[in-house]
Amino acid sequence: PAAGSSPLSGLTALLLGLERRPDRRERCEQMLTKELPWLKHEFFRATDGKADVIPDDEVAKTWNTKCNSLYGSYEEVKDKEGKVLHTAAEFADPGVDYEFSPGERGCAHSHYRMW
């Protein structure tokens, strides 16, 4: 719809992206301009998990699979020699703890900041 006829015409979209990836930003800006020319948008700098300090009280360093297991099934995880590290049942109860990668923490922190 044209800008005047859309109930969304007064909105401004936030385009989340890493400063070190201008190629992604340009591609998204081109798509938005082509597909939604009436939609205003502005760049929102993402937290770079490899470079920025992310407070532990805003984004945890670890996560547990227990809740995720409600939405999908897990398979056994084995090491290179075939030894079982975690059974499929362990992912559901008690859950398996994993460390977030710097990129995952940066992504989570970026969305936290946007909200």
N, C-alpha and C. Protein backbone atom coordinates (compact mmCIF):
# COMPACT_ATOMS: atom_id res chain seq x y z
N PRO A 1 0.82 -1.20 0.00
CA PRO A 1 0.00 0.00 0.00
C PRO A 1 0.86 1.26 0.00
N ALA A 2 0.29 2.31 -0.44
CA ALA A 2 0.97 3.61 -0.45
C ALA A 2 1.13 4.11 0.98
N ALA A 3 2.07 5.00 1.17
CA ALA A 3 2.40 5.48 2.51
C ALA A 3 1.18 6.03 3.25
N GLY A 4 0.36 6.80 2.59
CA GLY A 4 -0.78 7.43 3.24
C GLY A 4 -1.86 6.44 3.64
N SER A 5 -1.92 5.28 3.00
CA SER A 5 -2.99 4.34 3.28
C SER A 5 -2.61 3.26 4.27
N SER A 6 -1.36 3.20 4.66
CA SER A 6 -0.91 2.15 5.57
C SER A 6 -1.00 2.61 7.02
N PRO A 7 -1.55 1.76 7.90
CA PRO A 7 -1.56 2.13 9.32
C PRO A 7 -0.15 2.16 9.91
N LEU A 8 0.81 1.65 9.17
CA LEU A 8 2.19 1.63 9.64
C LEU A 8 3.01 2.82 9.12
N SER A 9 2.38 3.71 8.39
CA SER A 9 3.13 4.77 7.71
C SER A 9 3.87 5.71 8.65
N GLY A 10 3.48 5.78 9.91
CA GLY A 10 4.16 6.66 10.85
C GLY A 10 5.33 6.01 11.57
N LEU A 11 5.56 4.73 11.30
CA LEU A 11 6.62 4.01 12.00
C LEU A 11 8.00 4.24 11.37
N THR A 12 9.01 4.07 12.20
CA THR A 12 10.38 4.04 11.72
C THR A 12 10.95 2.69 12.14
N ALA A 13 11.45 1.95 11.17
CA ALA A 13 12.05 0.65 11.45
C ALA A 13 13.48 0.82 11.91
N LEU A 14 13.90 -0.05 12.80
CA LEU A 14 15.29 -0.07 13.24
C LEU A 14 15.99 -1.20 12.49
N LEU A 15 17.05 -0.85 11.82
CA LEU A 15 17.84 -1.81 11.05
C LEU A 15 19.07 -2.17 11.87
N LEU A 16 19.02 -3.33 12.50
CA LEU A 16 20.07 -3.78 13.41
C LEU A 16 21.21 -4.38 12.62
N GLY A 17 22.43 -3.94 12.92
CA GLY A 17 23.57 -4.50 12.20
C GLY A 17 24.90 -4.13 12.84
N LEU A 18 25.89 -4.92 12.50
CA LEU A 18 27.24 -4.67 12.98
C LEU A 18 27.89 -3.58 12.13
N GLU A 19 28.58 -2.64 12.80
CA GLU A 19 29.28 -1.59 12.06
C GLU A 19 30.32 -2.16 11.12
N ARG A 20 30.93 -3.29 11.50
CA ARG A 20 31.98 -3.89 10.67
C ARG A 20 31.44 -4.69 9.50
N ARG A 21 30.10 -4.69 9.31
CA ARG A 21 29.49 -5.39 8.17
C ARG A 21 28.60 -4.43 7.35
N PRO A 22 29.21 -3.40 6.74
CA PRO A 22 28.42 -2.45 5.95
C PRO A 22 27.74 -3.12 4.75
N ASP A 23 28.27 -4.25 4.28
CA ASP A 23 27.66 -4.95 3.15
C ASP A 23 26.26 -5.44 3.51
N ARG A 24 26.08 -5.94 4.71
CA ARG A 24 24.76 -6.40 5.15
C ARG A 24 23.80 -5.23 5.28
N ARG A 25 24.31 -4.14 5.85
CA ARG A 25 23.47 -2.95 6.02
C ARG A 25 23.00 -2.43 4.67
N GLU A 26 23.92 -2.33 3.72
CA GLU A 26 23.55 -1.83 2.39
C GLU A 26 22.53 -2.72 1.71
N ARG A 27 22.70 -4.05 1.84
CA ARG A 27 21.76 -4.99 1.22
C ARG A 27 20.36 -4.82 1.82
N CYS A 28 20.27 -4.69 3.14
CA CYS A 28 18.97 -4.51 3.79
C CYS A 28 18.35 -3.17 3.43
N GLU A 29 19.16 -2.13 3.39
CA GLU A 29 18.63 -0.81 3.01
C GLU A 29 18.08 -0.83 1.60
N GLN A 30 18.78 -1.51 0.69
CA GLN A 30 18.30 -1.62 -0.70
C GLN A 30 16.97 -2.38 -0.76
N MET A 31 16.86 -3.47 -0.02
CA MET A 31 15.61 -4.24 0.00
C MET A 31 14.46 -3.41 0.56
N LEU A 32 14.72 -2.72 1.67
CA LEU A 32 13.66 -1.90 2.26
C LEU A 32 13.22 -0.80 1.31
N THR A 33 14.17 -0.16 0.66
CA THR A 33 13.85 0.93 -0.27
C THR A 33 13.03 0.41 -1.45
N LYS A 34 13.39 -0.78 -1.93
CA LYS A 34 12.67 -1.36 -3.06
C LYS A 34 11.28 -1.87 -2.66
N GLU A 35 11.20 -2.64 -1.60
CA GLU A 35 9.96 -3.31 -1.23
C GLU A 35 9.01 -2.45 -0.39
N LEU A 36 9.55 -1.57 0.41
CA LEU A 36 8.74 -0.73 1.30
C LEU A 36 9.24 0.71 1.24
N PRO A 37 9.12 1.35 0.09
CA PRO A 37 9.70 2.69 -0.07
C PRO A 37 9.14 3.73 0.89
N TRP A 38 7.96 3.50 1.42
CA TRP A 38 7.33 4.45 2.35
C TRP A 38 7.83 4.29 3.78
N LEU A 39 8.51 3.18 4.08
CA LEU A 39 8.92 2.90 5.45
C LEU A 39 10.24 3.59 5.77
N LYS A 40 10.21 4.49 6.74
CA LYS A 40 11.43 5.13 7.20
C LYS A 40 12.22 4.11 8.01
N HIS A 41 13.51 4.16 7.90
CA HIS A 41 14.34 3.25 8.69
C HIS A 41 15.62 3.97 9.09
N GLU A 42 16.15 3.50 10.21
CA GLU A 42 17.41 4.05 10.70
C GLU A 42 18.29 2.91 11.21
N PHE A 43 19.57 3.12 11.12
CA PHE A 43 20.53 2.11 11.54
C PHE A 43 20.63 2.09 13.06
N PHE A 44 20.64 0.89 13.63
CA PHE A 44 20.84 0.69 15.06
C PHE A 44 22.07 -0.19 15.21
N ARG A 45 23.13 0.37 15.80
CA ARG A 45 24.39 -0.35 15.91
C ARG A 45 24.27 -1.56 16.82
N ALA A 46 24.57 -2.73 16.29
CA ALA A 46 24.54 -3.96 17.08
C ALA A 46 25.73 -4.01 18.02
N THR A 47 25.55 -4.69 19.12
CA THR A 47 26.66 -4.96 20.04
C THR A 47 27.56 -5.99 19.36
N ASP A 48 28.83 -5.68 19.27
CA ASP A 48 29.79 -6.60 18.68
C ASP A 48 30.37 -7.46 19.79
N GLY A 49 29.94 -8.71 19.84
CA GLY A 49 30.38 -9.61 20.89
C GLY A 49 31.87 -9.85 20.92
N LYS A 50 32.54 -9.59 19.80
CA LYS A 50 33.99 -9.79 19.74
C LYS A 50 34.75 -8.54 20.21
N ALA A 51 34.07 -7.40 20.31
CA ALA A 51 34.77 -6.16 20.63
C ALA A 51 34.18 -5.39 21.82
N ASP A 52 32.88 -5.48 22.02
CA ASP A 52 32.22 -4.70 23.07
C ASP A 52 32.15 -5.46 24.39
N VAL A 53 32.14 -4.72 25.49
CA VAL A 53 31.95 -5.33 26.81
C VAL A 53 30.45 -5.49 27.01
N ILE A 54 30.05 -6.71 27.37
CA ILE A 54 28.63 -7.01 27.59
C ILE A 54 28.47 -7.37 29.07
N PRO A 55 27.72 -6.56 29.81
CA PRO A 55 27.55 -6.84 31.24
C PRO A 55 26.86 -8.19 31.47
N ASP A 56 27.39 -8.96 32.42
CA ASP A 56 26.82 -10.27 32.73
C ASP A 56 25.39 -10.18 33.26
N ASP A 57 25.03 -9.04 33.86
CA ASP A 57 23.67 -8.91 34.38
C ASP A 57 22.67 -8.54 33.28
N GLU A 58 23.16 -8.30 32.07
CA GLU A 58 22.27 -8.03 30.94
C GLU A 58 22.15 -9.23 30.01
N VAL A 59 23.24 -9.98 29.84
CA VAL A 59 23.23 -11.20 29.03
C VAL A 59 24.10 -12.24 29.73
N ALA A 60 23.52 -13.39 30.00
CA ALA A 60 24.24 -14.47 30.68
C ALA A 60 25.38 -14.99 29.80
N LYS A 61 26.31 -15.67 30.43
CA LYS A 61 27.41 -16.29 29.68
C LYS A 61 27.09 -17.73 29.29
N THR A 62 26.10 -18.33 29.97
CA THR A 62 25.72 -19.71 29.68
C THR A 62 24.22 -19.82 29.50
N TRP A 63 23.80 -20.94 28.91
CA TRP A 63 22.38 -21.24 28.77
C TRP A 63 22.19 -22.74 28.95
N ASN A 64 20.96 -23.12 29.27
CA ASN A 64 20.63 -24.52 29.53
C ASN A 64 19.58 -24.97 28.52
N THR A 65 19.71 -26.20 28.06
CA THR A 65 18.84 -26.73 27.01
C THR A 65 17.46 -27.16 27.48
N LYS A 66 17.22 -27.19 28.77
CA LYS A 66 15.97 -27.76 29.29
C LYS A 66 14.72 -27.13 28.66
N CYS A 67 14.63 -25.82 28.63
CA CYS A 67 13.45 -25.17 28.07
C CYS A 67 13.36 -25.38 26.55
N ASN A 68 14.50 -25.30 25.87
CA ASN A 68 14.50 -25.50 24.42
C ASN A 68 14.01 -26.90 24.05
N SER A 69 14.26 -27.88 24.91
CA SER A 69 13.87 -29.25 24.60
C SER A 69 12.36 -29.42 24.53
N LEU A 70 11.61 -28.46 25.05
CA LEU A 70 10.15 -28.51 24.95
C LEU A 70 9.68 -28.30 23.51
N TYR A 71 10.52 -27.69 22.68
CA TYR A 71 10.14 -27.30 21.33
C TYR A 71 10.82 -28.11 20.23
N GLY A 72 11.65 -29.04 20.62
CA GLY A 72 12.33 -29.85 19.62
C GLY A 72 13.11 -30.95 20.31
N SER A 73 13.46 -31.95 19.55
CA SER A 73 14.19 -33.06 20.16
C SER A 73 15.69 -32.92 19.92
N TYR A 74 16.44 -33.42 20.84
CA TYR A 74 17.88 -33.44 20.74
C TYR A 74 18.34 -34.87 20.47
N GLU A 75 19.52 -34.99 19.91
CA GLU A 75 20.14 -36.30 19.69
C GLU A 75 21.35 -36.41 20.60
N GLU A 76 21.84 -37.62 20.78
CA GLU A 76 23.05 -37.80 21.57
C GLU A 76 24.20 -36.99 20.97
N VAL A 77 25.04 -36.48 21.86
CA VAL A 77 26.25 -35.79 21.42
C VAL A 77 27.43 -36.68 21.79
N LYS A 78 28.26 -36.95 20.81
CA LYS A 78 29.41 -37.83 21.02
C LYS A 78 30.70 -37.09 20.71
N ASP A 79 31.78 -37.55 21.35
CA ASP A 79 33.09 -37.00 21.05
C ASP A 79 33.65 -37.68 19.80
N LYS A 80 34.88 -37.33 19.43
CA LYS A 80 35.49 -37.87 18.21
C LYS A 80 35.66 -39.38 18.24
N GLU A 81 35.80 -39.93 19.42
CA GLU A 81 35.98 -41.38 19.55
C GLU A 81 34.64 -42.13 19.63
N GLY A 82 33.54 -41.39 19.62
CA GLY A 82 32.23 -42.03 19.69
C GLY A 82 31.66 -42.18 21.09
N LYS A 83 32.38 -41.68 22.09
CA LYS A 83 31.88 -41.73 23.47
C LYS A 83 30.75 -40.73 23.63
N VAL A 84 29.66 -41.17 24.26
CA VAL A 84 28.51 -40.29 24.46
C VAL A 84 28.83 -39.25 25.53
N LEU A 85 28.73 -37.98 25.15
CA LEU A 85 28.95 -36.88 26.09
C LEU A 85 27.65 -36.51 26.80
N HIS A 86 26.56 -36.49 26.02
CA HIS A 86 25.24 -36.16 26.56
C HIS A 86 24.21 -37.03 25.86
N THR A 87 23.34 -37.65 26.62
CA THR A 87 22.26 -38.43 26.03
C THR A 87 21.13 -37.50 25.62
N ALA A 88 20.28 -37.96 24.74
CA ALA A 88 19.13 -37.15 24.32
C ALA A 88 18.27 -36.78 25.53
N ALA A 89 18.11 -37.71 26.48
CA ALA A 89 17.28 -37.45 27.66
C ALA A 89 17.87 -36.35 28.54
N GLU A 90 19.20 -36.27 28.61
CA GLU A 90 19.85 -35.25 29.44
C GLU A 90 19.51 -33.83 28.99
N PHE A 91 19.30 -33.65 27.68
CA PHE A 91 18.99 -32.31 27.18
C PHE A 91 17.68 -31.78 27.74
N ALA A 92 16.76 -32.71 28.06
CA ALA A 92 15.47 -32.32 28.62
C ALA A 92 15.51 -32.21 30.15
N ASP A 93 16.22 -33.12 30.80
CA ASP A 93 16.24 -33.12 32.25
C ASP A 93 17.51 -33.79 32.74
N PRO A 94 18.41 -33.07 33.31
CA PRO A 94 18.31 -31.73 33.91
C PRO A 94 18.60 -30.60 32.93
N GLY A 95 18.90 -30.91 31.69
CA GLY A 95 19.34 -29.91 30.72
C GLY A 95 20.85 -29.89 30.67
N VAL A 96 21.37 -29.44 29.58
CA VAL A 96 22.82 -29.36 29.39
C VAL A 96 23.21 -27.89 29.31
N ASP A 97 24.22 -27.52 30.08
CA ASP A 97 24.69 -26.14 30.07
C ASP A 97 25.71 -25.93 28.96
N TYR A 98 25.53 -24.85 28.22
CA TYR A 98 26.46 -24.46 27.17
C TYR A 98 26.87 -23.02 27.38
N GLU A 99 28.07 -22.67 26.92
CA GLU A 99 28.50 -21.27 26.93
C GLU A 99 28.05 -20.61 25.63
N PHE A 100 27.55 -19.40 25.77
CA PHE A 100 27.24 -18.61 24.58
C PHE A 100 28.55 -18.22 23.90
N SER A 101 28.56 -18.18 22.58
CA SER A 101 29.72 -17.65 21.86
C SER A 101 29.67 -16.12 21.98
N PRO A 102 30.79 -15.44 21.72
CA PRO A 102 30.75 -13.98 21.73
C PRO A 102 29.69 -13.41 20.77
N GLY A 103 29.54 -14.03 19.62
CA GLY A 103 28.54 -13.55 18.66
C GLY A 103 27.12 -13.73 19.17
N GLU A 104 26.85 -14.84 19.82
CA GLU A 104 25.51 -15.07 20.39
C GLU A 104 25.20 -14.07 21.49
N ARG A 105 26.21 -13.79 22.33
CA ARG A 105 25.99 -12.81 23.40
C ARG A 105 25.78 -11.42 22.80
N GLY A 106 26.54 -11.09 21.76
CA GLY A 106 26.37 -9.79 21.11
C GLY A 106 25.00 -9.66 20.49
N CYS A 107 24.53 -10.71 19.86
CA CYS A 107 23.19 -10.70 19.25
C CYS A 107 22.12 -10.50 20.32
N ALA A 108 22.20 -11.27 21.40
CA ALA A 108 21.21 -11.14 22.48
C ALA A 108 21.25 -9.74 23.09
N HIS A 109 22.45 -9.20 23.28
CA HIS A 109 22.58 -7.87 23.88
C HIS A 109 22.03 -6.79 22.94
N SER A 110 22.22 -6.97 21.66
CA SER A 110 21.70 -6.01 20.69
C SER A 110 20.18 -5.92 20.78
N HIS A 111 19.53 -7.07 20.83
CA HIS A 111 18.06 -7.09 20.92
C HIS A 111 17.59 -6.57 22.27
N TYR A 112 18.32 -6.87 23.32
CA TYR A 112 18.02 -6.34 24.65
C TYR A 112 18.06 -4.80 24.61
N ARG A 113 19.08 -4.25 24.00
CA ARG A 113 19.20 -2.79 23.90
C ARG A 113 18.09 -2.18 23.05
N MET A 114 17.73 -2.86 21.99
CA MET A 114 16.66 -2.32 21.13
C MET A 114 15.34 -2.22 21.89
N TRP A 115 15.04 -3.25 22.67
CA TRP A 115 13.81 -3.22 23.46
C TRP A 115 13.87 -2.11 24.50
